[in-house]
N, C-alpha and C. Protein backbone atom coordinates (compact mmCIF):
# COMPACT_ATOMS: atom_id res chain seq x y z
N MET A 1 -49.89 -16.85 -84.65
CA MET A 1 -49.22 -15.90 -85.58
C MET A 1 -47.78 -15.61 -85.30
N ALA A 2 -46.82 -15.82 -86.43
CA ALA A 2 -45.65 -15.41 -85.81
C ALA A 2 -45.00 -14.75 -87.53
N ILE A 3 -44.27 -13.88 -87.26
CA ILE A 3 -43.46 -13.18 -88.19
C ILE A 3 -42.00 -13.50 -87.94
N VAL A 4 -41.50 -13.97 -89.09
CA VAL A 4 -40.37 -14.52 -89.24
C VAL A 4 -39.24 -14.05 -90.11
N VAL A 5 -38.31 -13.57 -89.69
CA VAL A 5 -37.21 -12.54 -90.72
C VAL A 5 -35.77 -13.34 -90.34
N ASP A 6 -35.05 -13.90 -91.31
CA ASP A 6 -34.05 -14.59 -91.17
C ASP A 6 -32.99 -13.45 -90.86
N VAL A 7 -31.72 -13.45 -90.04
CA VAL A 7 -30.83 -12.54 -90.15
C VAL A 7 -29.41 -13.14 -90.25
N GLN A 8 -29.14 -12.70 -91.53
CA GLN A 8 -27.93 -13.18 -91.99
C GLN A 8 -26.41 -12.61 -91.70
N ASP A 9 -26.09 -11.74 -92.11
CA ASP A 9 -25.26 -10.55 -91.84
C ASP A 9 -25.69 -9.40 -90.94
N ASN A 10 -26.40 -8.94 -91.50
CA ASN A 10 -26.68 -7.49 -91.36
C ASN A 10 -27.82 -7.33 -90.35
N LEU A 11 -27.61 -6.82 -89.34
CA LEU A 11 -29.27 -7.13 -88.23
C LEU A 11 -30.04 -5.81 -88.58
N GLU A 12 -29.40 -4.36 -89.06
CA GLU A 12 -30.23 -3.23 -89.54
C GLU A 12 -31.03 -3.78 -90.75
N LYS A 13 -30.80 -4.69 -91.45
CA LYS A 13 -31.38 -4.83 -92.49
C LYS A 13 -32.53 -5.74 -92.01
N ALA A 14 -32.13 -6.37 -91.03
CA ALA A 14 -33.05 -7.63 -90.39
C ALA A 14 -34.30 -7.03 -89.93
N LEU A 15 -33.93 -5.52 -89.14
CA LEU A 15 -34.70 -4.68 -88.52
C LEU A 15 -35.69 -3.97 -89.45
N ARG A 16 -34.86 -3.95 -90.75
CA ARG A 16 -35.65 -3.18 -91.53
C ARG A 16 -36.91 -3.87 -92.05
N VAL A 17 -36.82 -5.30 -92.52
CA VAL A 17 -37.57 -6.20 -92.91
C VAL A 17 -38.50 -6.78 -91.74
N LEU A 18 -38.51 -6.36 -90.48
CA LEU A 18 -39.42 -7.09 -89.78
C LEU A 18 -40.17 -5.70 -89.54
N LYS A 19 -39.60 -4.62 -89.42
CA LYS A 19 -40.54 -3.43 -89.39
C LYS A 19 -41.59 -3.35 -90.52
N LYS A 20 -41.24 -3.25 -91.59
CA LYS A 20 -41.68 -3.53 -93.13
C LYS A 20 -43.33 -4.63 -92.91
N LYS A 21 -42.72 -6.13 -92.09
CA LYS A 21 -43.73 -6.84 -92.22
C LYS A 21 -44.85 -5.94 -91.30
N MET A 22 -44.34 -5.84 -89.91
CA MET A 22 -45.16 -5.54 -89.08
C MET A 22 -45.85 -4.39 -89.47
N GLN A 23 -46.16 -3.41 -90.65
CA GLN A 23 -46.44 -2.51 -91.19
C GLN A 23 -47.49 -3.11 -92.00
N LEU A 24 -47.27 -4.15 -92.71
CA LEU A 24 -48.03 -4.47 -93.68
C LEU A 24 -48.94 -5.61 -93.18
N ASP A 25 -48.67 -5.43 -92.17
CA ASP A 25 -49.64 -6.99 -91.36
C ASP A 25 -50.64 -6.06 -90.43
N GLY A 26 -50.01 -4.47 -90.35
CA GLY A 26 -50.99 -3.77 -89.49
C GLY A 26 -50.99 -4.08 -87.85
N LEU A 27 -49.87 -4.70 -87.67
CA LEU A 27 -49.52 -4.95 -86.23
C LEU A 27 -49.41 -3.60 -85.36
N GLN A 28 -48.54 -2.74 -85.97
CA GLN A 28 -48.38 -1.53 -85.51
C GLN A 28 -49.29 -0.63 -85.15
N ARG A 29 -50.40 -0.49 -85.80
CA ARG A 29 -51.55 0.17 -85.85
C ARG A 29 -52.30 -0.60 -84.32
N GLU A 30 -51.95 -1.79 -84.15
CA GLU A 30 -52.97 -2.55 -83.65
C GLU A 30 -52.28 -2.62 -82.22
N LEU A 31 -51.01 -2.52 -82.07
CA LEU A 31 -50.23 -2.20 -80.64
C LEU A 31 -50.56 -0.70 -80.24
N LYS A 32 -50.46 0.47 -81.39
CA LYS A 32 -50.76 1.83 -80.69
C LYS A 32 -52.29 1.82 -80.32
N ASN A 33 -53.53 1.31 -80.91
CA ASN A 33 -54.82 1.11 -80.48
C ASN A 33 -54.85 0.77 -79.35
N ARG A 34 -54.10 -0.39 -78.90
CA ARG A 34 -54.17 -1.19 -77.53
C ARG A 34 -53.40 -0.62 -76.71
N ARG A 35 -52.82 0.54 -76.70
CA ARG A 35 -51.75 1.27 -75.43
C ARG A 35 -52.84 1.63 -74.57
N PHE A 36 -53.89 2.01 -74.92
CA PHE A 36 -54.86 2.92 -74.02
C PHE A 36 -56.21 2.09 -74.19
N TYR A 37 -56.89 2.42 -72.96
CA TYR A 37 -58.21 2.06 -73.15
C TYR A 37 -59.32 2.58 -74.31
N GLU A 38 -59.90 2.06 -74.85
CA GLU A 38 -60.81 3.15 -75.92
C GLU A 38 -61.97 2.31 -75.81
N LYS A 39 -62.75 3.62 -75.51
CA LYS A 39 -64.08 3.19 -74.66
C LYS A 39 -65.16 2.53 -76.19
N PRO A 40 -66.17 1.94 -76.05
CA PRO A 40 -67.04 1.09 -77.15
C PRO A 40 -67.66 2.11 -78.10
N SER A 41 -68.00 3.13 -77.50
CA SER A 41 -68.64 3.91 -78.78
C SER A 41 -67.32 4.72 -79.59
N VAL A 42 -66.20 5.25 -79.00
CA VAL A 42 -65.14 5.68 -79.52
C VAL A 42 -64.51 4.72 -80.41
N LYS A 43 -64.48 3.47 -80.15
CA LYS A 43 -64.04 2.77 -80.94
C LYS A 43 -64.97 2.27 -82.03
N ARG A 44 -66.41 2.14 -81.90
CA ARG A 44 -67.33 1.94 -83.03
C ARG A 44 -67.06 3.24 -84.35
N ARG A 45 -67.01 4.64 -83.59
CA ARG A 45 -66.87 5.64 -84.50
C ARG A 45 -65.36 5.43 -85.27
N ARG A 46 -64.89 5.26 -84.54
CA ARG A 46 -63.44 4.90 -85.50
C ARG A 46 -63.50 4.03 -86.64
N LYS A 47 -64.01 3.09 -86.07
CA LYS A 47 -64.12 1.89 -87.13
C LYS A 47 -65.16 1.92 -88.38
N MET A 48 -66.16 2.91 -88.11
CA MET A 48 -67.13 3.27 -89.25
C MET A 48 -66.01 4.50 -90.59
N GLN A 49 -65.45 5.32 -89.25
CA GLN A 49 -64.45 6.19 -89.94
C GLN A 49 -63.44 5.66 -90.91
N GLU A 50 -62.63 4.33 -90.41
CA GLU A 50 -61.89 3.56 -91.15
C GLU A 50 -62.39 3.09 -92.42
N ALA A 51 -64.01 2.19 -92.41
CA ALA A 51 -64.63 1.89 -93.31
C ALA A 51 -64.79 2.97 -94.31
N GLU A 52 -65.61 3.71 -94.41
CA GLU A 52 -65.62 4.91 -95.20
C GLU A 52 -64.67 5.29 -95.82
N ARG A 53 -63.51 5.49 -95.47
CA ARG A 53 -61.96 5.89 -95.69
C ARG A 53 -61.58 4.78 -97.00
N ARG A 54 -61.72 3.77 -96.56
CA ARG A 54 -61.34 2.31 -97.83
C ARG A 54 -62.53 2.36 -98.81
N ARG A 55 -63.72 2.37 -98.42
CA ARG A 55 -64.72 2.64 -99.52
C ARG A 55 -64.70 3.84 -100.25
N ARG A 56 -64.22 5.23 -99.64
CA ARG A 56 -63.78 6.45 -100.96
C ARG A 56 -62.56 6.16 -101.61
N LYS A 57 -61.67 5.48 -100.89
CA LYS A 57 -60.17 4.52 -101.76
C LYS A 57 -60.70 3.82 -102.79
N ALA A 58 -61.56 2.96 -102.62
CA ALA A 58 -61.91 1.81 -103.36
C ALA A 58 -62.63 2.58 -104.69
N ARG A 59 -63.27 3.54 -104.52
CA ARG A 59 -63.94 4.40 -105.17
C ARG A 59 -63.19 5.17 -106.38
N ARG A 60 -62.13 5.79 -105.49
CA ARG A 60 -61.03 6.31 -106.60
C ARG A 60 -60.35 5.69 -107.41
N ARG A 61 -60.45 4.23 -106.98
CA ARG A 61 -59.45 3.20 -107.86
C ARG A 61 -60.41 3.15 -109.11
N ARG A 62 -61.61 2.73 -108.58
CA ARG A 62 -62.44 2.28 -109.57
C ARG A 62 -62.72 3.13 -110.96
N ARG A 63 -62.39 4.51 -110.64
CA ARG A 63 -63.00 5.71 -111.56
C ARG A 63 -61.92 5.78 -112.53
N ARG A 64 -60.48 5.38 -111.96
CA ARG A 64 -59.72 5.51 -113.04
C ARG A 64 -59.50 4.60 -114.11
């Protein structure tokens, strides 16, 4: 998997586009999580909390 950003004239704009693509892809969060070792029990708990957060968010969207 590769993230491609075309650099025309403006390097700052290309960096902003790259950062936005990385954020949307979830790459920054993945890098942050992999920076330190995470015990399997902690990883499981975090994933369960993230799933619950997504469920609540989906439930809120359906009510509207």
